[in-house]
Amino acid sequence: AKNTMSLHMNSLKPEDTAVYYCAAD
């Protein structure tokens, strides 16, 4: 309804460091 997507990230680790991209199929 809002044309939005989310990513909830918990227990983050140093190896999660990156640029994060959203993409459409």
PDB file of all heavy atoms in Angstrom:
ATOM      1  N   ALA A   1       0.823  -1.207   0.000  1.00  0.00           N
ATOM      2  CA  ALA A   1       0.000   0.000   0.000  1.00  0.00           C
ATOM      3  C   ALA A   1       0.862   1.264   0.000  1.00  0.00           C
ATOM      4  O   ALA A   1       0.444   2.308  -0.506  1.00  0.00           O
ATOM      5  CB  ALA A   1      -0.929   0.005   1.198  1.00  0.00           C
ATOM      6  N   LYS A   2       2.061   1.142   0.562  1.00  0.00           N
ATOM      7  CA  LYS A   2       2.960   2.302   0.660  1.00  0.00           C
ATOM      8  C   LYS A   2       4.124   2.228  -0.307  1.00  0.00           C
ATOM      9  O   LYS A   2       4.969   3.119  -0.334  1.00  0.00           O
ATOM     10  CB  LYS A   2       3.485   2.431   2.089  1.00  0.00           C
ATOM     11  CG  LYS A   2       2.409   2.705   3.124  1.00  0.00           C
ATOM     12  CD  LYS A   2       3.013   2.864   4.508  1.00  0.00           C
ATOM     13  CE  LYS A   2       1.945   3.179   5.543  1.00  0.00           C
ATOM     14  NZ  LYS A   2       2.526   3.318   6.909  1.00  0.00           N
ATOM     15  N   ASN A   3       4.186   1.165  -1.114  1.00  0.00           N
ATOM     16  CA  ASN A   3       5.300   0.982  -2.052  1.00  0.00           C
ATOM     17  C   ASN A   3       6.656   1.046  -1.356  1.00  0.00           C
ATOM     18  O   ASN A   3       7.590   1.718  -1.823  1.00  0.00           O
ATOM     19  CB  ASN A   3       5.244   2.029  -3.174  1.00  0.00           C
ATOM     20  CG  ASN A   3       4.206   1.697  -4.233  1.00  0.00           C
ATOM     21  OD1 ASN A   3       3.364   0.810  -4.042  1.00  0.00           O
ATOM     22  ND2 ASN A   3       4.248   2.399  -5.350  1.00  0.00           N
ATOM     23  N   THR A   4       6.745   0.348  -0.251  1.00  0.00           N
ATOM     24  CA  THR A   4       8.001   0.335   0.488  1.00  0.00           C
ATOM     25  C   THR A   4       8.396  -1.078   0.873  1.00  0.00           C
ATOM     26  O   THR A   4       7.552  -1.979   0.985  1.00  0.00           O
ATOM     27  CB  THR A   4       7.909   1.184   1.761  1.00  0.00           C
ATOM     28  OG1 THR A   4       6.860   0.665   2.593  1.00  0.00           O
ATOM     29  CG2 THR A   4       7.638   2.641   1.445  1.00  0.00           C
ATOM     30  N   MET A   5       9.682  -1.264   1.077  1.00  0.00           N
ATOM     31  CA  MET A   5      10.236  -2.526   1.517  1.00  0.00           C
ATOM     32  C   MET A   5      11.239  -2.220   2.615  1.00  0.00           C
ATOM     33  O   MET A   5      11.849  -1.147   2.604  1.00  0.00           O
ATOM     34  CB  MET A   5      10.929  -3.245   0.350  1.00  0.00           C
ATOM     35  CG  MET A   5      11.606  -4.538   0.751  1.00  0.00           C
ATOM     36  SD  MET A   5      12.365  -5.394  -0.628  1.00  0.00           S
ATOM     37  CE  MET A   5      13.645  -4.254  -1.122  1.00  0.00           C
ATOM     38  N   SER A   6      11.372  -3.141   3.549  1.00  0.00           N
ATOM     39  CA  SER A   6      12.287  -2.924   4.653  1.00  0.00           C
ATOM     40  C   SER A   6      13.161  -4.144   4.887  1.00  0.00           C
ATOM     41  O   SER A   6      12.819  -5.256   4.480  1.00  0.00           O
ATOM     42  CB  SER A   6      11.506  -2.615   5.943  1.00  0.00           C
ATOM     43  OG  SER A   6      10.788  -1.409   5.825  1.00  0.00           O
ATOM     44  N   LEU A   7      14.269  -3.904   5.545  1.00  0.00           N
ATOM     45  CA  LEU A   7      15.151  -4.973   5.982  1.00  0.00           C
ATOM     46  C   LEU A   7      15.534  -4.672   7.423  1.00  0.00           C
ATOM     47  O   LEU A   7      16.257  -3.718   7.686  1.00  0.00           O
ATOM     48  CB  LEU A   7      16.393  -5.077   5.103  1.00  0.00           C
ATOM     49  CG  LEU A   7      17.320  -6.243   5.413  1.00  0.00           C
ATOM     50  CD1 LEU A   7      16.649  -7.571   5.037  1.00  0.00           C
ATOM     51  CD2 LEU A   7      18.647  -6.101   4.668  1.00  0.00           C
ATOM     52  N   HIS A   8      15.020  -5.479   8.330  1.00  0.00           N
ATOM     53  CA  HIS A   8      15.370  -5.337   9.736  1.00  0.00           C
ATOM     54  C   HIS A   8      16.595  -6.203   9.993  1.00  0.00           C
ATOM     55  O   HIS A   8      16.563  -7.421   9.772  1.00  0.00           O
ATOM     56  CB  HIS A   8      14.217  -5.787  10.618  1.00  0.00           C
ATOM     57  CG  HIS A   8      13.039  -4.872  10.587  1.00  0.00           C
ATOM     58  ND1 HIS A   8      12.148  -4.844   9.537  1.00  0.00           N
ATOM     59  CD2 HIS A   8      12.607  -3.929  11.463  1.00  0.00           C
ATOM     60  CE1 HIS A   8      11.210  -3.941   9.774  1.00  0.00           C
ATOM     61  NE2 HIS A   8      11.462  -3.377  10.941  1.00  0.00           N
ATOM     62  N   MET A   9      17.647  -5.580  10.475  1.00  0.00           N
ATOM     63  CA  MET A   9      18.916  -6.277  10.677  1.00  0.00           C
ATOM     64  C   MET A   9      19.253  -6.265  12.159  1.00  0.00           C
ATOM     65  O   MET A   9      19.427  -5.188  12.754  1.00  0.00           O
ATOM     66  CB  MET A   9      20.025  -5.596   9.873  1.00  0.00           C
ATOM     67  CG  MET A   9      19.697  -5.479   8.388  1.00  0.00           C
ATOM     68  SD  MET A   9      21.070  -4.827   7.414  1.00  0.00           S
ATOM     69  CE  MET A   9      21.199  -3.184   8.104  1.00  0.00           C
ATOM     70  N   ASN A  10      19.329  -7.436  12.746  1.00  0.00           N
ATOM     71  CA  ASN A  10      19.678  -7.590  14.157  1.00  0.00           C
ATOM     72  C   ASN A  10      20.996  -8.331  14.302  1.00  0.00           C
ATOM     73  O   ASN A  10      21.461  -8.984  13.364  1.00  0.00           O
ATOM     74  CB  ASN A  10      18.572  -8.351  14.886  1.00  0.00           C
ATOM     75  CG  ASN A  10      17.241  -7.613  14.885  1.00  0.00           C
ATOM     76  OD1 ASN A  10      17.198  -6.399  15.063  1.00  0.00           O
ATOM     77  ND2 ASN A  10      16.157  -8.340  14.682  1.00  0.00           N
ATOM     78  N   SER A  11      21.559  -8.251  15.488  1.00  0.00           N
ATOM     79  CA  SER A  11      22.806  -8.963  15.788  1.00  0.00           C
ATOM     80  C   SER A  11      23.844  -8.727  14.700  1.00  0.00           C
ATOM     81  O   SER A  11      24.479  -9.661  14.202  1.00  0.00           O
ATOM     82  CB  SER A  11      22.533 -10.461  15.947  1.00  0.00           C
ATOM     83  OG  SER A  11      21.568 -10.702  16.944  1.00  0.00           O
ATOM     84  N   LEU A  12      24.028  -7.481  14.360  1.00  0.00           N
ATOM     85  CA  LEU A  12      24.933  -7.151  13.260  1.00  0.00           C
ATOM     86  C   LEU A  12      26.369  -7.501  13.593  1.00  0.00           C
ATOM     87  O   LEU A  12      26.808  -7.410  14.752  1.00  0.00           O
ATOM     88  CB  LEU A  12      24.800  -5.672  12.916  1.00  0.00           C
ATOM     89  CG  LEU A  12      23.545  -5.332  12.092  1.00  0.00           C
ATOM     90  CD1 LEU A  12      23.235  -3.848  12.170  1.00  0.00           C
ATOM     91  CD2 LEU A  12      23.730  -5.775  10.654  1.00  0.00           C
ATOM     92  N   LYS A  13      27.094  -7.906  12.553  1.00  0.00           N
ATOM     93  CA  LYS A  13      28.484  -8.308  12.679  1.00  0.00           C
ATOM     94  C   LYS A  13      29.340  -7.411  11.784  1.00  0.00           C
ATOM     95  O   LYS A  13      28.842  -6.871  10.788  1.00  0.00           O
ATOM     96  CB  LYS A  13      28.644  -9.761  12.234  1.00  0.00           C
ATOM     97  CG  LYS A  13      27.747 -10.749  12.958  1.00  0.00           C
ATOM     98  CD  LYS A  13      27.897 -12.140  12.358  1.00  0.00           C
ATOM     99  CE  LYS A  13      26.988 -13.137  13.050  1.00  0.00           C
ATOM    100  NZ  LYS A  13      27.121 -14.517  12.469  1.00  0.00           N
ATOM    101  N   PRO A  14      30.609  -7.286  12.087  1.00  0.00           N
ATOM    102  CA  PRO A  14      31.483  -6.479  11.216  1.00  0.00           C
ATOM    103  C   PRO A  14      31.445  -6.947   9.758  1.00  0.00           C
ATOM    104  O   PRO A  14      31.546  -6.122   8.843  1.00  0.00           O
ATOM    105  CB  PRO A  14      32.863  -6.673  11.840  1.00  0.00           C
ATOM    106  CG  PRO A  14      32.575  -6.901  13.287  1.00  0.00           C
ATOM    107  CD  PRO A  14      31.306  -7.705  13.313  1.00  0.00           C
ATOM    108  N   GLU A  15      31.269  -8.232   9.540  1.00  0.00           N
ATOM    109  CA  GLU A  15      31.221  -8.743   8.169  1.00  0.00           C
ATOM    110  C   GLU A  15      29.936  -8.367   7.429  1.00  0.00           C
ATOM    111  O   GLU A  15      29.809  -8.637   6.234  1.00  0.00           O
ATOM    112  CB  GLU A  15      31.408 -10.266   8.139  1.00  0.00           C
ATOM    113  CG  GLU A  15      30.511 -11.036   9.076  1.00  0.00           C
ATOM    114  CD  GLU A  15      31.205 -11.360  10.391  1.00  0.00           C
ATOM    115  OE1 GLU A  15      31.879 -10.461  10.953  1.00  0.00           O
ATOM    116  OE2 GLU A  15      31.054 -12.509  10.871  1.00  0.00           O
ATOM    117  N   ASP A  16      28.993  -7.746   8.119  1.00  0.00           N
ATOM    118  CA  ASP A  16      27.795  -7.227   7.450  1.00  0.00           C
ATOM    119  C   ASP A  16      28.046  -5.852   6.835  1.00  0.00           C
ATOM    120  O   ASP A  16      27.181  -5.316   6.135  1.00  0.00           O
ATOM    121  CB  ASP A  16      26.625  -7.120   8.432  1.00  0.00           C
ATOM    122  CG  ASP A  16      26.143  -8.470   8.937  1.00  0.00           C
ATOM    123  OD1 ASP A  16      26.066  -9.408   8.116  1.00  0.00           O
ATOM    124  OD2 ASP A  16      25.866  -8.581  10.143  1.00  0.00           O
ATOM    125  N   THR A  17      29.208  -5.289   7.089  1.00  0.00           N
ATOM    126  CA  THR A  17      29.554  -3.979   6.533  1.00  0.00           C
ATOM    127  C   THR A  17      29.565  -4.039   5.016  1.00  0.00           C
ATOM    128  O   THR A  17      30.248  -4.873   4.418  1.00  0.00           O
ATOM    129  CB  THR A  17      30.920  -3.520   7.047  1.00  0.00           C
ATOM    130  OG1 THR A  17      30.837  -3.313   8.461  1.00  0.00           O
ATOM    131  CG2 THR A  17      31.362  -2.235   6.375  1.00  0.00           C
ATOM    132  N   ALA A  18      28.783  -3.157   4.402  1.00  0.00           N
ATOM    133  CA  ALA A  18      28.655  -3.140   2.942  1.00  0.00           C
ATOM    134  C   ALA A  18      27.714  -2.019   2.537  1.00  0.00           C
ATOM    135  O   ALA A  18      27.048  -1.410   3.389  1.00  0.00           O
ATOM    136  CB  ALA A  18      28.096  -4.474   2.439  1.00  0.00           C
ATOM    137  N   VAL A  19      27.668  -1.782   1.247  1.00  0.00           N
ATOM    138  CA  VAL A  19      26.602  -0.949   0.688  1.00  0.00           C
ATOM    139  C   VAL A  19      25.431  -1.868   0.369  1.00  0.00           C
ATOM    140  O   VAL A  19      25.612  -2.896  -0.301  1.00  0.00           O
ATOM    141  CB  VAL A  19      27.060  -0.208  -0.578  1.00  0.00           C
ATOM    142  CG1 VAL A  19      25.903   0.602  -1.163  1.00  0.00           C
ATOM    143  CG2 VAL A  19      28.241   0.710  -0.268  1.00  0.00           C
ATOM    144  N   TYR A  20      24.265  -1.516   0.861  1.00  0.00           N
ATOM    145  CA  TYR A  20      23.072  -2.336   0.677  1.00  0.00           C
ATOM    146  C   TYR A  20      22.182  -1.713  -0.397  1.00  0.00           C
ATOM    147  O   TYR A  20      21.909  -0.508  -0.367  1.00  0.00           O
ATOM    148  CB  TYR A  20      22.309  -2.461   1.992  1.00  0.00           C
ATOM    149  CG  TYR A  20      22.948  -3.427   2.948  1.00  0.00           C
ATOM    150  CD1 TYR A  20      24.158  -3.119   3.570  1.00  0.00           C
ATOM    151  CD2 TYR A  20      22.372  -4.669   3.212  1.00  0.00           C
ATOM    152  CE1 TYR A  20      24.770  -4.017   4.431  1.00  0.00           C
ATOM    153  CE2 TYR A  20      22.976  -5.571   4.078  1.00  0.00           C
ATOM    154  CZ  TYR A  20      24.167  -5.235   4.684  1.00  0.00           C
ATOM    155  OH  TYR A  20      24.769  -6.131   5.531  1.00  0.00           O
ATOM    156  N   TYR A  21      21.730  -2.569  -1.314  1.00  0.00           N
ATOM    157  CA  TYR A  21      20.912  -2.140  -2.439  1.00  0.00           C
ATOM    158  C   TYR A  21      19.570  -2.858  -2.432  1.00  0.00           C
ATOM    159  O   TYR A  21      19.526  -4.068  -2.170  1.00  0.00           O
ATOM    160  CB  TYR A  21      21.601  -2.463  -3.764  1.00  0.00           C
ATOM    161  CG  TYR A  21      22.949  -1.822  -3.960  1.00  0.00           C
ATOM    162  CD1 TYR A  21      24.101  -2.460  -3.539  1.00  0.00           C
ATOM    163  CD2 TYR A  21      23.060  -0.590  -4.593  1.00  0.00           C
ATOM    164  CE1 TYR A  21      25.346  -1.882  -3.728  1.00  0.00           C
ATOM    165  CE2 TYR A  21      24.302  -0.003  -4.792  1.00  0.00           C
ATOM    166  CZ  TYR A  21      25.440  -0.657  -4.350  1.00  0.00           C
ATOM    167  OH  TYR A  21      26.667  -0.083  -4.547  1.00  0.00           O
ATOM    168  N   CYS A  22      18.510  -2.145  -2.756  1.00  0.00           N
ATOM    169  CA  CYS A  22      17.241  -2.810  -3.011  1.00  0.00           C
ATOM    170  C   CYS A  22      17.064  -2.946  -4.522  1.00  0.00           C
ATOM    171  O   CYS A  22      17.614  -2.147  -5.296  1.00  0.00           O
ATOM    172  CB  CYS A  22      16.066  -2.073  -2.390  1.00  0.00           C
ATOM    173  SG  CYS A  22      15.737  -0.414  -3.013  1.00  0.00           S
ATOM    174  N   ALA A  23      16.328  -3.966  -4.914  1.00  0.00           N
ATOM    175  CA  ALA A  23      16.177  -4.260  -6.330  1.00  0.00           C
ATOM    176  C   ALA A  23      14.818  -4.889  -6.599  1.00  0.00           C
ATOM    177  O   ALA A  23      14.258  -5.577  -5.733  1.00  0.00           O
ATOM    178  CB  ALA A  23      17.291  -5.190  -6.804  1.00  0.00           C
ATOM    179  N   ALA A  24      14.331  -4.696  -7.820  1.00  0.00           N
ATOM    180  CA  ALA A  24      13.041  -5.243  -8.231  1.00  0.00           C
ATOM    181  C   ALA A  24      13.238  -6.368  -9.237  1.00  0.00           C
ATOM    182  O   ALA A  24      14.056  -6.252 -10.160  1.00  0.00           O
ATOM    183  CB  ALA A  24      12.186  -4.151  -8.850  1.00  0.00           C
ATOM    184  N   ASP A  25      12.484  -7.428  -9.064  1.00  0.00           N
ATOM    185  CA  ASP A  25      12.542  -8.595  -9.949  1.00  0.00           C
ATOM    186  C   ASP A  25      12.156  -8.215 -11.382  1.00  0.00           C
ATOM    187  O   ASP A  25      11.425  -7.240 -11.602  1.00  0.00           O
ATOM    188  CB  ASP A  25      11.564  -9.648  -9.412  1.00  0.00           C
ATOM    189  CG  ASP A  25      11.787 -11.034  -9.970  1.00  0.00           C
ATOM    190  OD1 ASP A  25      12.555 -11.185 -10.949  1.00  0.00           O
ATOM    191  OD2 ASP A  25      11.179 -11.973  -9.442  1.00  0.00           O
TER     192      ASP A  25
END
